Amino acid sequence: MAQFYQGLLGWPMRKVEPGWVEIAPPDGGPGLSFQTEPLFTRPRWPSTRSEQQMMMHLDIEVNDLSSAVEHALALGATVTDFQPQDDVRVLFDPAGHPFCLFVRTGPGA
């Protein structure tokens, strides 16, 4: 999963240990850490009471939604059936975690 987000964000790996990987922006700042979970169950999107719910959700701002979706698909993501907004695309990473790509609209865009 770390390799997917490394490719999606263009961040290098900062730390690699058995069962643990960190990626971060090359110029510093907060990054993302990934830990192996042998009993992982893919979450259900959208959530339902009777099935595994998502354990995390990333919203990633992009400049060009179509290009960003194509890039994510090339890395192994899949588009979800449920799309709640026109300016957002919900995808699953290769492990099944939902994440969003979005273009900022409105004030402050």
N, C-alpha and C. Protein backbone atom coordinates (compact mmCIF):
# COMPACT_ATOMS: atom_id res chain seq x y z
N MET A 1 0.82 -1.18 0.00
CA MET A 1 0.00 0.00 0.00
C MET A 1 0.87 1.26 0.00
N ALA A 2 2.00 1.20 0.70
CA ALA A 2 2.90 2.36 0.73
C ALA A 2 3.40 2.69 -0.67
N GLN A 3 3.69 1.66 -1.47
CA GLN A 3 4.17 1.92 -2.83
C GLN A 3 3.10 2.62 -3.66
N PHE A 4 1.83 2.28 -3.46
CA PHE A 4 0.75 2.95 -4.18
C PHE A 4 0.74 4.44 -3.84
N TYR A 5 0.73 4.78 -2.56
CA TYR A 5 0.68 6.18 -2.16
C TYR A 5 1.98 6.92 -2.48
N GLN A 6 3.09 6.21 -2.47
CA GLN A 6 4.35 6.81 -2.91
C GLN A 6 4.23 7.25 -4.37
N GLY A 7 3.70 6.40 -5.21
CA GLY A 7 3.51 6.74 -6.62
C GLY A 7 2.45 7.80 -6.82
N LEU A 8 1.36 7.73 -6.06
CA LEU A 8 0.27 8.70 -6.21
C LEU A 8 0.72 10.10 -5.82
N LEU A 9 1.45 10.22 -4.71
CA LEU A 9 1.86 11.52 -4.19
C LEU A 9 3.24 11.97 -4.67
N GLY A 10 4.04 11.03 -5.18
CA GLY A 10 5.39 11.37 -5.61
C GLY A 10 6.34 11.59 -4.45
N TRP A 11 6.05 10.98 -3.31
CA TRP A 11 6.89 11.13 -2.12
C TRP A 11 7.84 9.95 -1.98
N PRO A 12 9.08 10.19 -1.59
CA PRO A 12 10.02 9.09 -1.37
C PRO A 12 9.75 8.38 -0.03
N MET A 13 10.25 7.16 0.06
CA MET A 13 10.18 6.44 1.33
C MET A 13 11.20 7.03 2.28
N ARG A 14 10.75 7.32 3.50
CA ARG A 14 11.62 7.91 4.51
C ARG A 14 12.15 6.84 5.46
N LYS A 15 11.36 5.81 5.70
CA LYS A 15 11.76 4.77 6.63
C LYS A 15 11.12 3.46 6.18
N VAL A 16 11.93 2.39 6.15
CA VAL A 16 11.42 1.07 5.78
C VAL A 16 11.93 0.08 6.81
N GLU A 17 11.00 -0.56 7.51
CA GLU A 17 11.31 -1.59 8.49
C GLU A 17 10.34 -2.75 8.26
N PRO A 18 10.63 -3.92 8.80
CA PRO A 18 9.68 -5.02 8.64
C PRO A 18 8.30 -4.62 9.20
N GLY A 19 7.29 -4.67 8.35
CA GLY A 19 5.93 -4.35 8.77
C GLY A 19 5.63 -2.87 8.92
N TRP A 20 6.55 -1.99 8.54
CA TRP A 20 6.36 -0.54 8.74
C TRP A 20 7.07 0.24 7.64
N VAL A 21 6.36 1.17 7.00
CA VAL A 21 6.96 2.03 5.97
C VAL A 21 6.43 3.44 6.17
N GLU A 22 7.32 4.43 6.01
CA GLU A 22 6.92 5.83 6.05
C GLU A 22 7.29 6.49 4.73
N ILE A 23 6.37 7.32 4.21
CA ILE A 23 6.68 8.17 3.06
C ILE A 23 6.44 9.61 3.48
N ALA A 24 7.15 10.54 2.84
CA ALA A 24 7.01 11.95 3.21
C ALA A 24 7.42 12.82 2.04
N PRO A 25 6.94 14.08 2.03
CA PRO A 25 7.34 15.00 0.97
C PRO A 25 8.86 15.18 0.99
N PRO A 26 9.49 15.33 -0.17
CA PRO A 26 10.94 15.46 -0.21
C PRO A 26 11.47 16.70 0.50
N ASP A 27 10.65 17.75 0.61
CA ASP A 27 11.11 18.97 1.28
C ASP A 27 10.76 18.98 2.76
N GLY A 28 10.36 17.85 3.31
CA GLY A 28 10.03 17.75 4.73
C GLY A 28 8.55 17.93 4.99
N GLY A 29 8.19 17.90 6.24
CA GLY A 29 6.79 18.04 6.63
C GLY A 29 6.17 16.70 6.96
N PRO A 30 4.91 16.72 7.36
CA PRO A 30 4.23 15.48 7.74
C PRO A 30 4.15 14.50 6.57
N GLY A 31 4.20 13.24 6.90
CA GLY A 31 4.10 12.20 5.90
C GLY A 31 3.02 11.21 6.26
N LEU A 32 3.10 10.04 5.68
CA LEU A 32 2.16 8.95 5.95
C LEU A 32 2.95 7.71 6.36
N SER A 33 2.43 6.99 7.34
CA SER A 33 3.04 5.74 7.79
C SER A 33 2.08 4.59 7.55
N PHE A 34 2.63 3.44 7.22
CA PHE A 34 1.84 2.25 6.91
C PHE A 34 2.37 1.09 7.73
N GLN A 35 1.46 0.39 8.39
CA GLN A 35 1.82 -0.76 9.21
C GLN A 35 1.06 -1.98 8.71
N THR A 36 1.74 -3.11 8.62
CA THR A 36 1.10 -4.35 8.19
C THR A 36 0.08 -4.79 9.23
N GLU A 37 -1.08 -5.21 8.76
CA GLU A 37 -2.13 -5.76 9.63
C GLU A 37 -2.57 -7.09 9.03
N PRO A 38 -2.09 -8.20 9.60
CA PRO A 38 -2.40 -9.50 9.01
C PRO A 38 -3.88 -9.87 9.01
N LEU A 39 -4.68 -9.29 9.89
CA LEU A 39 -6.10 -9.62 9.97
C LEU A 39 -6.98 -8.56 9.30
N PHE A 40 -6.39 -7.78 8.41
CA PHE A 40 -7.11 -6.69 7.74
C PHE A 40 -8.32 -7.23 6.97
N THR A 41 -9.43 -6.52 7.09
CA THR A 41 -10.64 -6.78 6.32
C THR A 41 -10.97 -5.54 5.51
N ARG A 42 -11.19 -5.71 4.22
CA ARG A 42 -11.50 -4.55 3.37
C ARG A 42 -12.75 -3.84 3.88
N PRO A 43 -12.70 -2.50 3.94
CA PRO A 43 -13.88 -1.77 4.39
C PRO A 43 -14.96 -1.70 3.31
N ARG A 44 -16.15 -1.37 3.72
CA ARG A 44 -17.30 -1.21 2.83
C ARG A 44 -17.52 0.28 2.58
N TRP A 45 -17.71 0.66 1.32
CA TRP A 45 -18.02 2.05 0.96
C TRP A 45 -19.22 2.05 0.05
N PRO A 46 -20.24 2.85 0.33
CA PRO A 46 -20.39 3.61 1.57
C PRO A 46 -20.62 2.67 2.75
N SER A 47 -20.36 3.18 3.94
CA SER A 47 -20.44 2.37 5.16
C SER A 47 -21.84 1.84 5.43
N THR A 48 -21.86 0.66 6.01
CA THR A 48 -23.11 0.08 6.51
C THR A 48 -22.85 -0.40 7.94
N ARG A 49 -23.88 -0.56 8.71
CA ARG A 49 -23.72 -0.96 10.11
C ARG A 49 -23.16 -2.38 10.26
N SER A 50 -23.46 -3.25 9.34
CA SER A 50 -23.12 -4.66 9.51
C SER A 50 -21.79 -5.08 8.91
N GLU A 51 -21.08 -4.17 8.26
CA GLU A 51 -19.82 -4.54 7.61
C GLU A 51 -18.69 -3.64 8.07
N GLN A 52 -17.46 -4.08 7.82
CA GLN A 52 -16.28 -3.31 8.21
C GLN A 52 -16.36 -1.89 7.66
N GLN A 53 -16.16 -0.90 8.52
CA GLN A 53 -16.16 0.49 8.09
C GLN A 53 -14.72 0.94 7.86
N MET A 54 -14.57 2.02 7.07
CA MET A 54 -13.23 2.48 6.75
C MET A 54 -12.50 2.91 8.03
N MET A 55 -11.20 2.64 8.04
CA MET A 55 -10.37 2.98 9.19
C MET A 55 -9.65 4.30 8.98
N MET A 56 -9.61 4.76 7.77
CA MET A 56 -9.01 6.05 7.44
C MET A 56 -9.60 6.52 6.13
N HIS A 57 -9.45 7.82 5.87
CA HIS A 57 -9.94 8.37 4.61
C HIS A 57 -9.08 9.58 4.28
N LEU A 58 -8.46 9.57 3.13
CA LEU A 58 -7.64 10.69 2.68
C LEU A 58 -8.39 11.47 1.62
N ASP A 59 -8.36 12.79 1.73
CA ASP A 59 -8.86 13.69 0.69
C ASP A 59 -7.63 14.37 0.11
N ILE A 60 -7.38 14.18 -1.17
CA ILE A 60 -6.18 14.69 -1.83
C ILE A 60 -6.58 15.71 -2.87
N GLU A 61 -6.14 16.96 -2.67
CA GLU A 61 -6.45 18.04 -3.62
C GLU A 61 -5.55 17.90 -4.85
N VAL A 62 -6.17 18.03 -6.02
CA VAL A 62 -5.44 17.93 -7.29
C VAL A 62 -5.80 19.12 -8.17
N ASN A 63 -4.98 19.39 -9.18
CA ASN A 63 -5.25 20.48 -10.11
C ASN A 63 -6.17 20.05 -11.25
N ASP A 64 -6.02 18.81 -11.69
CA ASP A 64 -6.79 18.28 -12.82
C ASP A 64 -7.37 16.94 -12.41
N LEU A 65 -8.66 16.90 -12.17
CA LEU A 65 -9.30 15.70 -11.64
C LEU A 65 -9.18 14.51 -12.60
N SER A 66 -9.43 14.72 -13.87
CA SER A 66 -9.36 13.62 -14.84
C SER A 66 -7.98 13.00 -14.90
N SER A 67 -6.95 13.85 -14.97
CA SER A 67 -5.57 13.34 -15.03
C SER A 67 -5.19 12.61 -13.75
N ALA A 68 -5.60 13.15 -12.61
CA ALA A 68 -5.28 12.53 -11.33
C ALA A 68 -5.96 11.17 -11.20
N VAL A 69 -7.19 11.06 -11.66
CA VAL A 69 -7.89 9.78 -11.61
C VAL A 69 -7.18 8.77 -12.51
N GLU A 70 -6.81 9.17 -13.71
CA GLU A 70 -6.10 8.26 -14.63
C GLU A 70 -4.78 7.79 -14.02
N HIS A 71 -4.06 8.71 -13.37
CA HIS A 71 -2.80 8.36 -12.71
C HIS A 71 -3.05 7.33 -11.60
N ALA A 72 -4.07 7.57 -10.78
CA ALA A 72 -4.40 6.63 -9.69
C ALA A 72 -4.79 5.26 -10.24
N LEU A 73 -5.57 5.25 -11.31
CA LEU A 73 -5.97 3.98 -11.92
C LEU A 73 -4.76 3.21 -12.45
N ALA A 74 -3.82 3.92 -13.04
CA ALA A 74 -2.60 3.28 -13.56
C ALA A 74 -1.77 2.66 -12.45
N LEU A 75 -1.89 3.20 -11.23
CA LEU A 75 -1.15 2.68 -10.08
C LEU A 75 -1.88 1.53 -9.38
N GLY A 76 -3.12 1.26 -9.80
CA GLY A 76 -3.86 0.14 -9.21
C GLY A 76 -5.12 0.50 -8.47
N ALA A 77 -5.50 1.77 -8.45
CA ALA A 77 -6.76 2.17 -7.80
C ALA A 77 -7.94 1.75 -8.66
N THR A 78 -9.11 1.72 -8.05
CA THR A 78 -10.35 1.48 -8.77
C THR A 78 -11.37 2.55 -8.36
N VAL A 79 -12.21 2.94 -9.29
CA VAL A 79 -13.24 3.95 -9.02
C VAL A 79 -14.41 3.25 -8.33
N THR A 80 -14.95 3.87 -7.28
CA THR A 80 -16.10 3.29 -6.58
C THR A 80 -17.38 3.55 -7.36
N ASP A 81 -18.38 2.75 -7.12
CA ASP A 81 -19.68 2.95 -7.76
C ASP A 81 -20.37 4.20 -7.22
N PHE A 82 -20.23 4.46 -5.91
CA PHE A 82 -20.90 5.59 -5.27
C PHE A 82 -20.02 6.83 -5.36
N GLN A 83 -20.50 7.86 -6.06
CA GLN A 83 -19.79 9.13 -6.24
C GLN A 83 -20.71 10.25 -5.75
N PRO A 84 -20.49 10.78 -4.52
CA PRO A 84 -21.43 11.73 -3.93
C PRO A 84 -21.36 13.16 -4.47
N GLN A 85 -20.27 13.54 -5.16
CA GLN A 85 -20.12 14.92 -5.62
C GLN A 85 -19.50 14.96 -7.01
N ASP A 86 -19.84 16.00 -7.79
CA ASP A 86 -19.30 16.14 -9.14
C ASP A 86 -17.82 16.51 -9.18
N ASP A 87 -17.35 17.28 -8.19
CA ASP A 87 -15.96 17.75 -8.20
C ASP A 87 -15.04 16.88 -7.35
N VAL A 88 -15.51 15.69 -7.00
CA VAL A 88 -14.75 14.73 -6.19
C VAL A 88 -14.88 13.36 -6.83
N ARG A 89 -13.79 12.59 -6.81
CA ARG A 89 -13.85 11.20 -7.24
C ARG A 89 -13.42 10.34 -6.06
N VAL A 90 -14.26 9.38 -5.71
CA VAL A 90 -13.93 8.43 -4.66
C VAL A 90 -13.37 7.18 -5.33
N LEU A 91 -12.21 6.75 -4.86
CA LEU A 91 -11.55 5.57 -5.40
C LEU A 91 -11.18 4.64 -4.25
N PHE A 92 -10.86 3.39 -4.59
CA PHE A 92 -10.28 2.45 -3.63
C PHE A 92 -8.81 2.31 -3.96
N ASP A 93 -7.95 2.34 -2.93
CA ASP A 93 -6.55 2.00 -3.16
C ASP A 93 -6.48 0.48 -3.34
N PRO A 94 -5.32 -0.07 -3.71
CA PRO A 94 -5.25 -1.51 -3.97
C PRO A 94 -5.65 -2.40 -2.78
N ALA A 95 -5.56 -1.88 -1.55
CA ALA A 95 -5.97 -2.65 -0.37
C ALA A 95 -7.45 -2.49 -0.06
N GLY A 96 -8.14 -1.60 -0.78
CA GLY A 96 -9.57 -1.43 -0.58
C GLY A 96 -9.98 -0.24 0.26
N HIS A 97 -9.02 0.59 0.67
CA HIS A 97 -9.36 1.79 1.44
C HIS A 97 -9.90 2.86 0.50
N PRO A 98 -11.06 3.47 0.82
CA PRO A 98 -11.54 4.57 -0.01
C PRO A 98 -10.72 5.83 0.23
N PHE A 99 -10.49 6.60 -0.83
CA PHE A 99 -9.85 7.91 -0.72
C PHE A 99 -10.46 8.79 -1.79
N CYS A 100 -10.32 10.10 -1.62
CA CYS A 100 -10.92 11.04 -2.56
C CYS A 100 -9.86 11.89 -3.24
N LEU A 101 -10.07 12.15 -4.50
CA LEU A 101 -9.34 13.17 -5.25
C LEU A 101 -10.34 14.28 -5.51
N PHE A 102 -9.92 15.53 -5.29
CA PHE A 102 -10.86 16.63 -5.49
C PHE A 102 -10.16 17.86 -6.03
N VAL A 103 -10.94 18.70 -6.71
CA VAL A 103 -10.49 20.01 -7.18
C VAL A 103 -11.21 21.04 -6.32
N ARG A 104 -10.44 21.94 -5.73
CA ARG A 104 -11.03 22.97 -4.88
C ARG A 104 -11.85 23.93 -5.74
N THR A 105 -13.07 24.19 -5.32
CA THR A 105 -13.95 25.12 -6.02
C THR A 105 -14.50 26.12 -5.01
N GLY A 106 -15.07 27.18 -5.51
CA GLY A 106 -15.69 28.18 -4.63
C GLY A 106 -14.68 29.13 -4.02
N PRO A 107 -15.05 29.82 -2.92
CA PRO A 107 -14.16 30.79 -2.28
C PRO A 107 -12.84 30.16 -1.86
N GLY A 108 -11.75 30.85 -2.12
CA GLY A 108 -10.43 30.36 -1.76
C GLY A 108 -9.83 29.40 -2.76
N ALA A 109 -10.53 29.16 -3.87
CA ALA A 109 -10.02 28.20 -4.87
C ALA A 109 -8.87 28.79 -5.64
